[in-house]
Amino acid sequence: MPTRVFEKAPATVPLMLKAALPALPVVGSLPGVKHASGTTPDLVLQRNEVVTDRRHLDTYNEVCGFPRSDFLPTPYPHMAAFGLHMTLMTDTAFPFAPMGLVHLRNTIRQHRRIRVKEAFDVSVRAADLRPHPKGSLIDIVTTVSVGDEVVWDEVMTLFSRHKGGSAETTGAPLAGVEAPDGVVHWKLAGDLGRRYGAVSGDRNPIHLYPLTARAFGFPTNIAHGMWTLARSLAAVQNKLPDAFTNDVEFRKPILLPGTVVFGSRREGDVLTFGVKGGKKPVTHLVGRVVPGV
């Protein structure tokens, strides 16, 4: 599989603009803009010797609720990979236009904790294009290595809505798992999407302002799914083993501003957590942590 190596993180603002082009009438059907269909890109994107910026990490910790530490928060390597994610999704070989894709599920396997001072390599590829009853699913696979040792990997499952879908060929990891009830209330400000967007590079319009979100069918801007996951893992940080697998499912978007309720429960070695609506009994996120990878 061909590999494209980047010396630095791709700039995300031009990529966000590029992501919007396929959604424009006429422009979206032009050569060089229109995406292929029905195939998975035969391509690996890679950055080597990535070094963590301590100031960026401190800002991320502040936005997501993690304490300062000598180790990276579990979801933080996603930050180092985001520019590669966007580069892959805006490549015309990718089978779907990026705008309109829904981040449906996520799996992180932390093989061991990563020290802040460790340099690491990041690689990104697409995999497993498959049917869904309401469209299609595709995975973006990220692998983080220190030398020859894989220390972290992630599978982002993206959903594209279209006609002609069929039953899934693989089951959802958290099918039938319900979010625990909780008593911890998080009051989320209207600018949360802008704050997380500034630190993550994910400035999708649905997260930024009510006006830009309404253009995509939302009544107001919504929280990033990866922020909700990060805030949840921060809430159970002291319960996490050094090596574990975290599956999460994003079920309903969180409208901003708003209040949500976080809950968790442990059954043996399995930790289940979730985020529900503060006023309505809807589940926004459900997650599970299992020791080992």
C-alpha atoms as a PDB file:
ATOM      1  CA  MET A   1       0.000   0.000   0.000  1.00  0.00           C
ATOM      2  CA  PRO A   2       1.542   3.378  -1.007  1.00  0.00           C
ATOM      3  CA  THR A   3       2.600   5.620   1.900  1.00  0.00           C
ATOM      4  CA  ARG A   4       2.598   9.418   1.863  1.00  0.00           C
ATOM      5  CA  VAL A   5       4.855  10.902   4.556  1.00  0.00           C
ATOM      6  CA  PHE A   6       4.293  14.375   6.034  1.00  0.00           C
ATOM      7  CA  GLU A   7       7.077  16.293   7.756  1.00  0.00           C
ATOM      8  CA  LYS A   8       4.564  18.331   9.767  1.00  0.00           C
ATOM      9  CA  ALA A   9       0.856  18.259  10.530  1.00  0.00           C
ATOM     10  CA  PRO A  10      -1.262  19.312   7.525  1.00  0.00           C
ATOM     11  CA  ALA A  11      -2.939  22.707   8.005  1.00  0.00           C
ATOM     12  CA  THR A  12      -6.581  22.037   8.859  1.00  0.00           C
ATOM     13  CA  VAL A  13      -8.209  25.326   7.783  1.00  0.00           C
ATOM     14  CA  PRO A  14      -7.528  24.766   4.031  1.00  0.00           C
ATOM     15  CA  LEU A  15      -8.650  21.164   4.468  1.00  0.00           C
ATOM     16  CA  MET A  16     -11.944  22.260   6.042  1.00  0.00           C
ATOM     17  CA  LEU A  17     -12.532  24.529   3.037  1.00  0.00           C
ATOM     18  CA  LYS A  18     -11.643  21.699   0.674  1.00  0.00           C
ATOM     19  CA  ALA A  19     -14.066  19.430   2.543  1.00  0.00           C
ATOM     20  CA  ALA A  20     -16.916  21.843   1.797  1.00  0.00           C
ATOM     21  CA  LEU A  21     -16.399  21.918  -1.982  1.00  0.00           C
ATOM     22  CA  PRO A  22     -18.103  18.579  -2.848  1.00  0.00           C
ATOM     23  CA  ALA A  23     -21.278  19.844  -1.133  1.00  0.00           C
ATOM     24  CA  LEU A  24     -21.570  22.836  -3.480  1.00  0.00           C
ATOM     25  CA  PRO A  25     -23.927  22.608  -6.493  1.00  0.00           C
ATOM     26  CA  VAL A  26     -22.094  22.137  -9.823  1.00  0.00           C
ATOM     27  CA  VAL A  27     -18.670  22.488  -8.152  1.00  0.00           C
ATOM     28  CA  GLY A  28     -19.158  19.178  -6.354  1.00  0.00           C
ATOM     29  CA  SER A  29     -19.387  17.265  -9.633  1.00  0.00           C
ATOM     30  CA  LEU A  30     -16.207  18.696 -11.177  1.00  0.00           C
ATOM     31  CA  PRO A  31     -13.119  16.507 -11.762  1.00  0.00           C
ATOM     32  CA  GLY A  32     -10.701  16.895  -8.886  1.00  0.00           C
ATOM     33  CA  VAL A  33     -13.579  17.657  -6.496  1.00  0.00           C
ATOM     34  CA  LYS A  34     -16.019  14.773  -6.949  1.00  0.00           C
ATOM     35  CA  HIS A  35     -15.262  11.762  -4.774  1.00  0.00           C
ATOM     36  CA  ALA A  36     -15.008   8.199  -5.984  1.00  0.00           C
ATOM     37  CA  SER A  37     -17.619   5.708  -4.825  1.00  0.00           C
ATOM     38  CA  GLY A  38     -17.581   2.091  -3.783  1.00  0.00           C
ATOM     39  CA  THR A  39     -13.861   1.741  -3.067  1.00  0.00           C
ATOM     40  CA  THR A  40     -11.508   2.125  -0.105  1.00  0.00           C
ATOM     41  CA  PRO A  41      -8.435   4.306  -0.789  1.00  0.00           C
ATOM     42  CA  ASP A  42      -5.249   2.292  -1.193  1.00  0.00           C
ATOM     43  CA  LEU A  43      -3.180   4.788   0.751  1.00  0.00           C
ATOM     44  CA  VAL A  44      -1.387   5.274   4.082  1.00  0.00           C
ATOM     45  CA  LEU A  45      -0.672   8.757   5.471  1.00  0.00           C
ATOM     46  CA  GLN A  46       2.135   9.048   7.983  1.00  0.00           C
ATOM     47  CA  ARG A  47       3.969  11.475  10.291  1.00  0.00           C
ATOM     48  CA  ASN A  48       7.189  10.444  12.027  1.00  0.00           C
ATOM     49  CA  GLU A  49       8.836  11.629  15.245  1.00  0.00           C
ATOM     50  CA  VAL A  50       5.840  13.636  16.435  1.00  0.00           C
ATOM     51  CA  VAL A  51       6.708  15.698  19.510  1.00  0.00           C
ATOM     52  CA  THR A  52       3.995  16.947  21.872  1.00  0.00           C
ATOM     53  CA  ASP A  53       3.688  20.702  22.342  1.00  0.00           C
ATOM     54  CA  ARG A  54       3.269  21.141  26.104  1.00  0.00           C
ATOM     55  CA  ARG A  55       1.294  24.369  25.747  1.00  0.00           C
ATOM     56  CA  HIS A  56      -1.126  22.745  23.308  1.00  0.00           C
ATOM     57  CA  LEU A  57      -1.490  19.793  25.663  1.00  0.00           C
ATOM     58  CA  ASP A  58      -2.202  22.095  28.603  1.00  0.00           C
ATOM     59  CA  THR A  59      -4.941  23.840  26.598  1.00  0.00           C
ATOM     60  CA  TYR A  60      -6.434  20.484  25.606  1.00  0.00           C
ATOM     61  CA  ASN A  61      -6.404  19.359  29.237  1.00  0.00           C
ATOM     62  CA  GLU A  62      -8.159  22.549  30.292  1.00  0.00           C
ATOM     63  CA  VAL A  63     -10.906  22.224  27.669  1.00  0.00           C
ATOM     64  CA  CYS A  64     -11.461  18.499  28.291  1.00  0.00           C
ATOM     65  CA  GLY A  65     -10.993  18.292  32.063  1.00  0.00           C
ATOM     66  CA  PHE A  66      -7.801  16.242  32.326  1.00  0.00           C
ATOM     67  CA  PRO A  67      -5.262  16.940  35.078  1.00  0.00           C
ATOM     68  CA  ARG A  68      -1.675  17.841  34.205  1.00  0.00           C
ATOM     69  CA  SER A  69       0.435  14.690  34.009  1.00  0.00           C
ATOM     70  CA  ASP A  70       3.676  13.235  32.676  1.00  0.00           C
ATOM     71  CA  PHE A  71       1.536  11.010  30.432  1.00  0.00           C
ATOM     72  CA  LEU A  72      -0.741  11.887  27.512  1.00  0.00           C
ATOM     73  CA  PRO A  73      -4.502  11.666  28.089  1.00  0.00           C
ATOM     74  CA  THR A  74      -5.896   8.594  26.358  1.00  0.00           C
ATOM     75  CA  PRO A  75      -7.649  10.457  23.481  1.00  0.00           C
ATOM     76  CA  TYR A  76      -4.837  12.969  22.895  1.00  0.00           C
ATOM     77  CA  PRO A  77      -3.034  11.093  20.061  1.00  0.00           C
ATOM     78  CA  HIS A  78      -6.201  11.749  18.032  1.00  0.00           C
ATOM     79  CA  MET A  79      -5.044  15.400  17.987  1.00  0.00           C
ATOM     80  CA  ALA A  80      -1.785  14.441  16.278  1.00  0.00           C
ATOM     81  CA  ALA A  81      -3.693  12.441  13.671  1.00  0.00           C
ATOM     82  CA  PHE A  82      -6.529  14.846  12.879  1.00  0.00           C
ATOM     83  CA  GLY A  83      -4.772  16.631  10.007  1.00  0.00           C
ATOM     84  CA  LEU A  84      -4.034  13.238   8.446  1.00  0.00           C
ATOM     85  CA  HIS A  85      -7.682  12.226   8.925  1.00  0.00           C
ATOM     86  CA  MET A  86      -8.818  15.337   7.060  1.00  0.00           C
ATOM     87  CA  THR A  87      -6.231  14.843   4.308  1.00  0.00           C
ATOM     88  CA  LEU A  88      -7.486  11.301   3.762  1.00  0.00           C
ATOM     89  CA  MET A  89     -11.173  12.254   3.789  1.00  0.00           C
ATOM     90  CA  THR A  90     -10.674  15.146   1.353  1.00  0.00           C
ATOM     91  CA  ASP A  91      -8.756  12.968  -1.101  1.00  0.00           C
ATOM     92  CA  THR A  92     -11.029  12.250  -4.079  1.00  0.00           C
ATOM     93  CA  ALA A  93     -10.195   8.541  -3.722  1.00  0.00           C
ATOM     94  CA  PHE A  94     -12.138   8.554  -0.437  1.00  0.00           C
ATOM     95  CA  PRO A  95     -15.637   7.205  -1.236  1.00  0.00           C
ATOM     96  CA  PHE A  96     -17.695   9.916   0.521  1.00  0.00           C
ATOM     97  CA  ALA A  97     -17.674  13.697   0.680  1.00  0.00           C
ATOM     98  CA  PRO A  98     -16.564  14.661   4.212  1.00  0.00           C
ATOM     99  CA  MET A  99     -19.406  17.082   4.981  1.00  0.00           C
ATOM    100  CA  GLY A 100     -22.384  15.056   6.095  1.00  0.00           C
ATOM    101  CA  LEU A 101     -20.389  12.104   7.432  1.00  0.00           C
ATOM    102  CA  VAL A 102     -21.387  11.119  10.976  1.00  0.00           C
ATOM    103  CA  HIS A 103     -18.828   9.865  13.500  1.00  0.00           C
ATOM    104  CA  LEU A 104     -20.922   6.940  14.739  1.00  0.00           C
ATOM    105  CA  ARG A 105     -18.528   4.820  16.816  1.00  0.00           C
ATOM    106  CA  ASN A 106     -14.986   4.904  18.111  1.00  0.00           C
ATOM    107  CA  THR A 107     -12.577   2.341  19.510  1.00  0.00           C
ATOM    108  CA  ILE A 108      -9.281   3.226  21.210  1.00  0.00           C
ATOM    109  CA  ARG A 109      -6.818   0.598  22.339  1.00  0.00           C
ATOM    110  CA  GLN A 110      -4.196   1.974  24.717  1.00  0.00           C
ATOM    111  CA  HIS A 111      -1.428  -0.626  24.741  1.00  0.00           C
ATOM    112  CA  ARG A 112       0.457   1.403  27.325  1.00  0.00           C
ATOM    113  CA  ARG A 113       0.544   4.993  28.546  1.00  0.00           C
ATOM    114  CA  ILE A 114       2.568   7.414  26.396  1.00  0.00           C
ATOM    115  CA  ARG A 115       4.923   9.810  28.146  1.00  0.00           C
ATOM    116  CA  VAL A 116       4.591  13.475  27.212  1.00  0.00           C
ATOM    117  CA  LYS A 117       8.295  13.592  26.299  1.00  0.00           C
ATOM    118  CA  GLU A 118       8.151  10.549  23.992  1.00  0.00           C
ATOM    119  CA  ALA A 119       8.304  11.116  20.234  1.00  0.00           C
ATOM    120  CA  PHE A 120       6.002   8.837  18.255  1.00  0.00           C
ATOM    121  CA  ASP A 121       5.004   7.930  14.686  1.00  0.00           C
ATOM    122  CA  VAL A 122       1.395   8.201  13.442  1.00  0.00           C
ATOM    123  CA  SER A 123      -0.118   6.391  10.465  1.00  0.00           C
ATOM    124  CA  VAL A 124      -3.660   6.669   9.084  1.00  0.00           C
ATOM    125  CA  ARG A 125      -5.562   4.571   6.549  1.00  0.00           C
ATOM    126  CA  ALA A 126      -9.140   3.758   5.547  1.00  0.00           C
ATOM    127  CA  ALA A 127     -10.572   0.257   5.884  1.00  0.00           C
ATOM    128  CA  ASP A 128     -13.676  -1.922   5.848  1.00  0.00           C
ATOM    129  CA  LEU A 129     -16.174  -0.124   3.628  1.00  0.00           C
ATOM    130  CA  ARG A 130     -19.426  -1.961   4.402  1.00  0.00           C
ATOM    131  CA  PRO A 131     -23.212  -1.623   4.283  1.00  0.00           C
ATOM    132  CA  HIS A 132     -25.509  -0.098   6.889  1.00  0.00           C
ATOM    133  CA  PRO A 133     -29.331  -0.272   6.816  1.00  0.00           C
ATOM    134  CA  LYS A 134     -29.456   3.466   6.058  1.00  0.00           C
ATOM    135  CA  GLY A 135     -26.299   3.830   3.974  1.00  0.00           C
ATOM    136  CA  SER A 136     -22.667   2.785   4.405  1.00  0.00           C
ATOM    137  CA  LEU A 137     -19.946   2.608   7.042  1.00  0.00           C
ATOM    138  CA  ILE A 138     -16.212   3.051   6.674  1.00  0.00           C
ATOM    139  CA  ASP A 139     -13.396   2.949   9.232  1.00  0.00           C
ATOM    140  CA  ILE A 140     -10.428   5.258   9.584  1.00  0.00           C
ATOM    141  CA  VAL A 141      -7.655   3.383  11.356  1.00  0.00           C
ATOM    142  CA  THR A 142      -4.922   5.264  13.228  1.00  0.00           C
ATOM    143  CA  THR A 143      -1.804   3.599  14.638  1.00  0.00           C
ATOM    144  CA  VAL A 144       0.699   5.254  16.975  1.00  0.00           C
ATOM    145  CA  SER A 145       4.115   3.675  17.461  1.00  0.00           C
ATOM    146  CA  VAL A 146       7.220   4.404  19.486  1.00  0.00           C
ATOM    147  CA  GLY A 147      10.034   2.797  17.521  1.00  0.00           C
ATOM    148  CA  ASP A 148       8.734  -0.643  16.557  1.00  0.00           C
ATOM    149  CA  GLU A 149       6.258  -0.763  19.446  1.00  0.00           C
ATOM    150  CA  VAL A 150       2.567  -0.056  18.809  1.00  0.00           C
ATOM    151  CA  VAL A 151       1.427   1.910  21.849  1.00  0.00           C
ATOM    152  CA  TRP A 152      -2.020   3.195  20.772  1.00  0.00           C
ATOM    153  CA  ASP A 153      -4.494   2.623  17.990  1.00  0.00           C
ATOM    154  CA  GLU A 154      -7.941   3.901  17.089  1.00  0.00           C
ATOM    155  CA  VAL A 155     -10.789   2.961  14.776  1.00  0.00           C
ATOM    156  CA  MET A 156     -13.179   5.782  13.851  1.00  0.00           C
ATOM    157  CA  THR A 157     -16.347   4.408  12.285  1.00  0.00           C
ATOM    158  CA  LEU A 158     -18.018   6.939   9.971  1.00  0.00           C
ATOM    159  CA  PHE A 159     -21.556   6.711   8.624  1.00  0.00           C
ATOM    160  CA  SER A 160     -22.694   8.013   5.238  1.00  0.00           C
ATOM    161  CA  ARG A 161     -26.450   8.248   4.774  1.00  0.00           C
ATOM    162  CA  HIS A 162     -27.766   7.270   1.335  1.00  0.00           C
ATOM    163  CA  LYS A 163     -30.337   5.039  -0.306  1.00  0.00           C
ATOM    164  CA  GLY A 164     -29.741   1.404  -1.088  1.00  0.00           C
ATOM    165  CA  GLY A 165     -28.278   0.325   2.259  1.00  0.00           C
ATOM    166  CA  SER A 166     -28.525  -3.164   3.696  1.00  0.00           C
ATOM    167  CA  ALA A 167     -27.908  -5.021   6.946  1.00  0.00           C
ATOM    168  CA  GLU A 168     -24.532  -4.578   8.620  1.00  0.00           C
ATOM    169  CA  THR A 169     -22.070  -7.378   8.007  1.00  0.00           C
ATOM    170  CA  THR A 170     -20.559  -6.905  11.496  1.00  0.00           C
ATOM    171  CA  GLY A 171     -22.386  -6.115  14.724  1.00  0.00           C
ATOM    172  CA  ALA A 172     -22.035  -2.898  16.695  1.00  0.00           C
ATOM    173  CA  PRO A 173     -19.742  -3.447  19.732  1.00  0.00           C
ATOM    174  CA  LEU A 174     -22.138  -1.678  22.113  1.00  0.00           C
ATOM    175  CA  ALA A 175     -25.448  -2.924  20.735  1.00  0.00           C
ATOM    176  CA  GLY A 176     -27.830  -3.320  23.665  1.00  0.00           C
ATOM    177  CA  VAL A 177     -25.562  -1.501  26.137  1.00  0.00           C
ATOM    178  CA  GLU A 178     -27.327   1.336  27.964  1.00  0.00           C
ATOM    179  CA  ALA A 179     -25.728   4.386  29.555  1.00  0.00           C
ATOM    180  CA  PRO A 180     -25.719   4.273  33.376  1.00  0.00           C
ATOM    181  CA  ASP A 181     -27.780   6.774  35.319  1.00  0.00           C
ATOM    182  CA  GLY A 182     -25.724   9.497  36.936  1.00  0.00           C
ATOM    183  CA  VAL A 183     -25.817  12.491  39.236  1.00  0.00           C
ATOM    184  CA  VAL A 184     -22.911  14.520  37.849  1.00  0.00           C
ATOM    185  CA  HIS A 185     -24.210  17.478  35.830  1.00  0.00           C
ATOM    186  CA  TRP A 186     -22.068  19.232  33.224  1.00  0.00           C
ATOM    187  CA  LYS A 187     -23.235  22.685  32.220  1.00  0.00           C
ATOM    188  CA  LEU A 188     -21.916  23.270  28.694  1.00  0.00           C
ATOM    189  CA  ALA A 189     -21.434  26.781  27.319  1.00  0.00           C
ATOM    190  CA  GLY A 190     -22.420  27.840  23.828  1.00  0.00           C
ATOM    191  CA  ASP A 191     -18.785  28.440  22.869  1.00  0.00           C
ATOM    192  CA  LEU A 192     -17.631  24.897  23.749  1.00  0.00           C
ATOM    193  CA  GLY A 193     -17.509  23.875  20.080  1.00  0.00           C
ATOM    194  CA  ARG A 194     -15.324  26.857  19.235  1.00  0.00           C
ATOM    195  CA  ARG A 195     -12.984  26.179  22.164  1.00  0.00           C
ATOM    196  CA  TYR A 196     -12.548  22.514  21.293  1.00  0.00           C
ATOM    197  CA  GLY A 197     -12.364  23.350  17.588  1.00  0.00           C
ATOM    198  CA  ALA A 198      -9.482  25.744  18.263  1.00  0.00           C
ATOM    199  CA  VAL A 199      -7.454  23.108  20.105  1.00  0.00           C
ATOM    200  CA  SER A 200      -8.377  20.129  17.893  1.00  0.00           C
ATOM    201  CA  GLY A 201      -8.444  21.786  14.467  1.00  0.00           C
ATOM    202  CA  ASP A 202     -11.949  20.394  13.884  1.00  0.00           C
ATOM    203  CA  ARG A 203     -13.789  23.567  12.874  1.00  0.00           C
ATOM    204  CA  ASN A 204     -16.728  21.855  11.239  1.00  0.00           C
ATOM    205  CA  PRO A 205     -19.489  24.522  11.011  1.00  0.00           C
ATOM    206  CA  ILE A 206     -21.966  22.322  12.889  1.00  0.00           C
ATOM    207  CA  HIS A 207     -19.905  22.859  16.046  1.00  0.00           C
ATOM    208  CA  LEU A 208     -19.177  26.588  15.852  1.00  0.00           C
ATOM    209  CA  TYR A 209     -22.254  28.834  15.816  1.00  0.00           C
ATOM    210  CA  PRO A 210     -26.050  28.400  15.763  1.00  0.00           C
ATOM    211  CA  LEU A 211     -26.231  30.044  12.332  1.00  0.00           C
ATOM    212  CA  THR A 212     -23.598  27.781  10.715  1.00  0.00           C
ATOM    213  CA  ALA A 213     -25.140  24.685  12.337  1.00  0.00           C
ATOM    214  CA  ARG A 214     -28.629  25.556  11.065  1.00  0.00           C
ATOM    215  CA  ALA A 215     -27.260  25.510   7.519  1.00  0.00           C
ATOM    216  CA  PHE A 216     -26.710  21.765   8.048  1.00  0.00           C
ATOM    217  CA  GLY A 217     -30.088  21.058   9.627  1.00  0.00           C
ATOM    218  CA  PHE A 218     -29.285  21.438  13.336  1.00  0.00           C
ATOM    219  CA  PRO A 219     -31.301  23.839  15.522  1.00  0.00           C
ATOM    220  CA  THR A 220     -28.075  25.110  17.080  1.00  0.00           C
ATOM    221  CA  ASN A 221     -24.395  24.188  17.227  1.00  0.00           C
ATOM    222  CA  ILE A 222     -23.491  20.823  18.746  1.00  0.00           C
ATOM    223  CA  ALA A 223     -20.633  19.517  20.885  1.00  0.00           C
ATOM    224  CA  HIS A 224     -17.875  17.475  19.250  1.00  0.00           C
ATOM    225  CA  GLY A 225     -18.238  13.750  19.870  1.00  0.00           C
ATOM    226  CA  MET A 226     -14.517  13.496  20.619  1.00  0.00           C
ATOM    227  CA  TRP A 227     -14.858  16.225  23.261  1.00  0.00           C
ATOM    228  CA  THR A 228     -17.679  14.260  24.927  1.00  0.00           C
ATOM    229  CA  LEU A 229     -15.514  11.132  24.868  1.00  0.00           C
ATOM    230  CA  ALA A 230     -12.493  13.014  26.246  1.00  0.00           C
ATOM    231  CA  ARG A 231     -14.541  14.642  29.027  1.00  0.00           C
ATOM    232  CA  SER A 232     -15.975  11.232  29.945  1.00  0.00           C
ATOM    233  CA  LEU A 233     -12.563   9.571  30.124  1.00  0.00           C
ATOM    234  CA  ALA A 234     -11.285  12.485  32.210  1.00  0.00           C
ATOM    235  CA  ALA A 235     -14.134  11.831  34.656  1.00  0.00           C
ATOM    236  CA  VAL A 236     -13.017   8.201  35.153  1.00  0.00           C
ATOM    237  CA  GLN A 237      -9.273   8.811  34.766  1.00  0.00           C
ATOM    238  CA  ASN A 238      -8.446   7.345  38.192  1.00  0.00           C
ATOM    239  CA  LYS A 239     -10.300   4.125  37.317  1.00  0.00           C
ATOM    240  CA  LEU A 240      -8.447   3.359  34.082  1.00  0.00           C
ATOM    241  CA  PRO A 241      -5.761   0.653  33.852  1.00  0.00           C
ATOM    242  CA  ASP A 242      -2.533   1.297  31.967  1.00  0.00           C
ATOM    243  CA  ALA A 243      -3.657  -0.898  29.048  1.00  0.00           C
ATOM    244  CA  PHE A 244      -7.294  -1.103  27.959  1.00  0.00           C
ATOM    245  CA  THR A 245      -9.791  -1.084  25.106  1.00  0.00           C
ATOM    246  CA  ASN A 246     -12.389   1.685  24.999  1.00  0.00           C
ATOM    247  CA  ASP A 247     -15.457   1.328  22.766  1.00  0.00           C
ATOM    248  CA  VAL A 248     -17.852   4.255  22.473  1.00  0.00           C
ATOM    249  CA  GLU A 249     -21.023   4.955  20.531  1.00  0.00           C
ATOM    250  CA  PHE A 250     -22.289   8.464  19.765  1.00  0.00           C
ATOM    251  CA  ARG A 251     -26.082   8.236  19.813  1.00  0.00           C
ATOM    252  CA  LYS A 252     -27.572  11.738  19.923  1.00  0.00           C
ATOM    253  CA  PRO A 253     -25.848  15.106  19.397  1.00  0.00           C
ATOM    254  CA  ILE A 254     -25.512  17.460  22.371  1.00  0.00           C
ATOM    255  CA  LEU A 255     -27.057  20.848  21.609  1.00  0.00           C
ATOM    256  CA  LEU A 256     -25.179  23.901  22.919  1.00  0.00           C
ATOM    257  CA  PRO A 257     -25.571  25.525  25.341  1.00  0.00           C
ATOM    258  CA  GLY A 258     -27.043  22.840  27.558  1.00  0.00           C
ATOM    259  CA  THR A 259     -26.724  20.576  30.577  1.00  0.00           C
ATOM    260  CA  VAL A 260     -25.958  16.863  30.439  1.00  0.00           C
ATOM    261  CA  VAL A 261     -25.598  14.164  33.108  1.00  0.00           C
ATOM    262  CA  PHE A 262     -22.611  11.814  33.369  1.00  0.00           C
ATOM    263  CA  GLY A 263     -22.814   8.384  34.986  1.00  0.00           C
ATOM    264  CA  SER A 264     -20.626   5.293  35.312  1.00  0.00           C
ATOM    265  CA  ARG A 265     -20.776   1.812  36.789  1.00  0.00           C
ATOM    266  CA  ARG A 266     -18.299  -1.016  37.267  1.00  0.00           C
ATOM    267  CA  GLU A 267     -19.170  -4.687  36.881  1.00  0.00           C
ATOM    268  CA  GLY A 268     -16.105  -6.787  37.611  1.00  0.00           C
ATOM    269  CA  ASP A 269     -13.297  -5.442  35.420  1.00  0.00           C
ATOM    270  CA  VAL A 270     -15.666  -3.746  32.972  1.00  0.00           C
ATOM    271  CA  LEU A 271     -16.346  -0.019  33.345  1.00  0.00           C
ATOM    272  CA  THR A 272     -19.384   1.384  31.537  1.00  0.00           C
ATOM    273  CA  PHE A 273     -20.073   5.105  31.298  1.00  0.00           C
ATOM    274  CA  GLY A 274     -22.475   7.389  29.521  1.00  0.00           C
ATOM    275  CA  VAL A 275     -23.791  10.889  28.983  1.00  0.00           C
ATOM    276  CA  LYS A 276     -27.525  11.595  29.029  1.00  0.00           C
ATOM    277  CA  GLY A 277     -29.661  14.687  28.565  1.00  0.00           C
ATOM    278  CA  GLY A 278     -30.158  16.923  31.549  1.00  0.00           C
ATOM    279  CA  LYS A 279     -33.826  17.603  30.750  1.00  0.00           C
ATOM    280  CA  LYS A 280     -34.863  14.840  28.358  1.00  0.00           C
ATOM    281  CA  PRO A 281     -34.085  11.113  28.861  1.00  0.00           C
ATOM    282  CA  VAL A 282     -31.959  10.767  25.738  1.00  0.00           C
ATOM    283  CA  THR A 283     -28.565   9.071  25.546  1.00  0.00           C
ATOM    284  CA  HIS A 284     -25.844  11.124  23.903  1.00  0.00           C
ATOM    285  CA  LEU A 285     -22.951   8.731  24.423  1.00  0.00           C
ATOM    286  CA  VAL A 286     -22.334   5.292  25.860  1.00  0.00           C
ATOM    287  CA  GLY A 287     -18.861   3.858  26.395  1.00  0.00           C
ATOM    288  CA  ARG A 288     -17.133   0.817  27.821  1.00  0.00           C
ATOM    289  CA  VAL A 289     -13.603   0.195  29.092  1.00  0.00           C
ATOM    290  CA  VAL A 290     -12.233  -3.368  29.241  1.00  0.00           C
ATOM    291  CA  PRO A 291      -8.714  -4.104  30.557  1.00  0.00           C
ATOM    292  CA  GLY A 292      -6.203  -5.278  27.973  1.00  0.00           C
ATOM    293  CA  VAL A 293      -5.984  -4.901  24.205  1.00  0.00           C
END
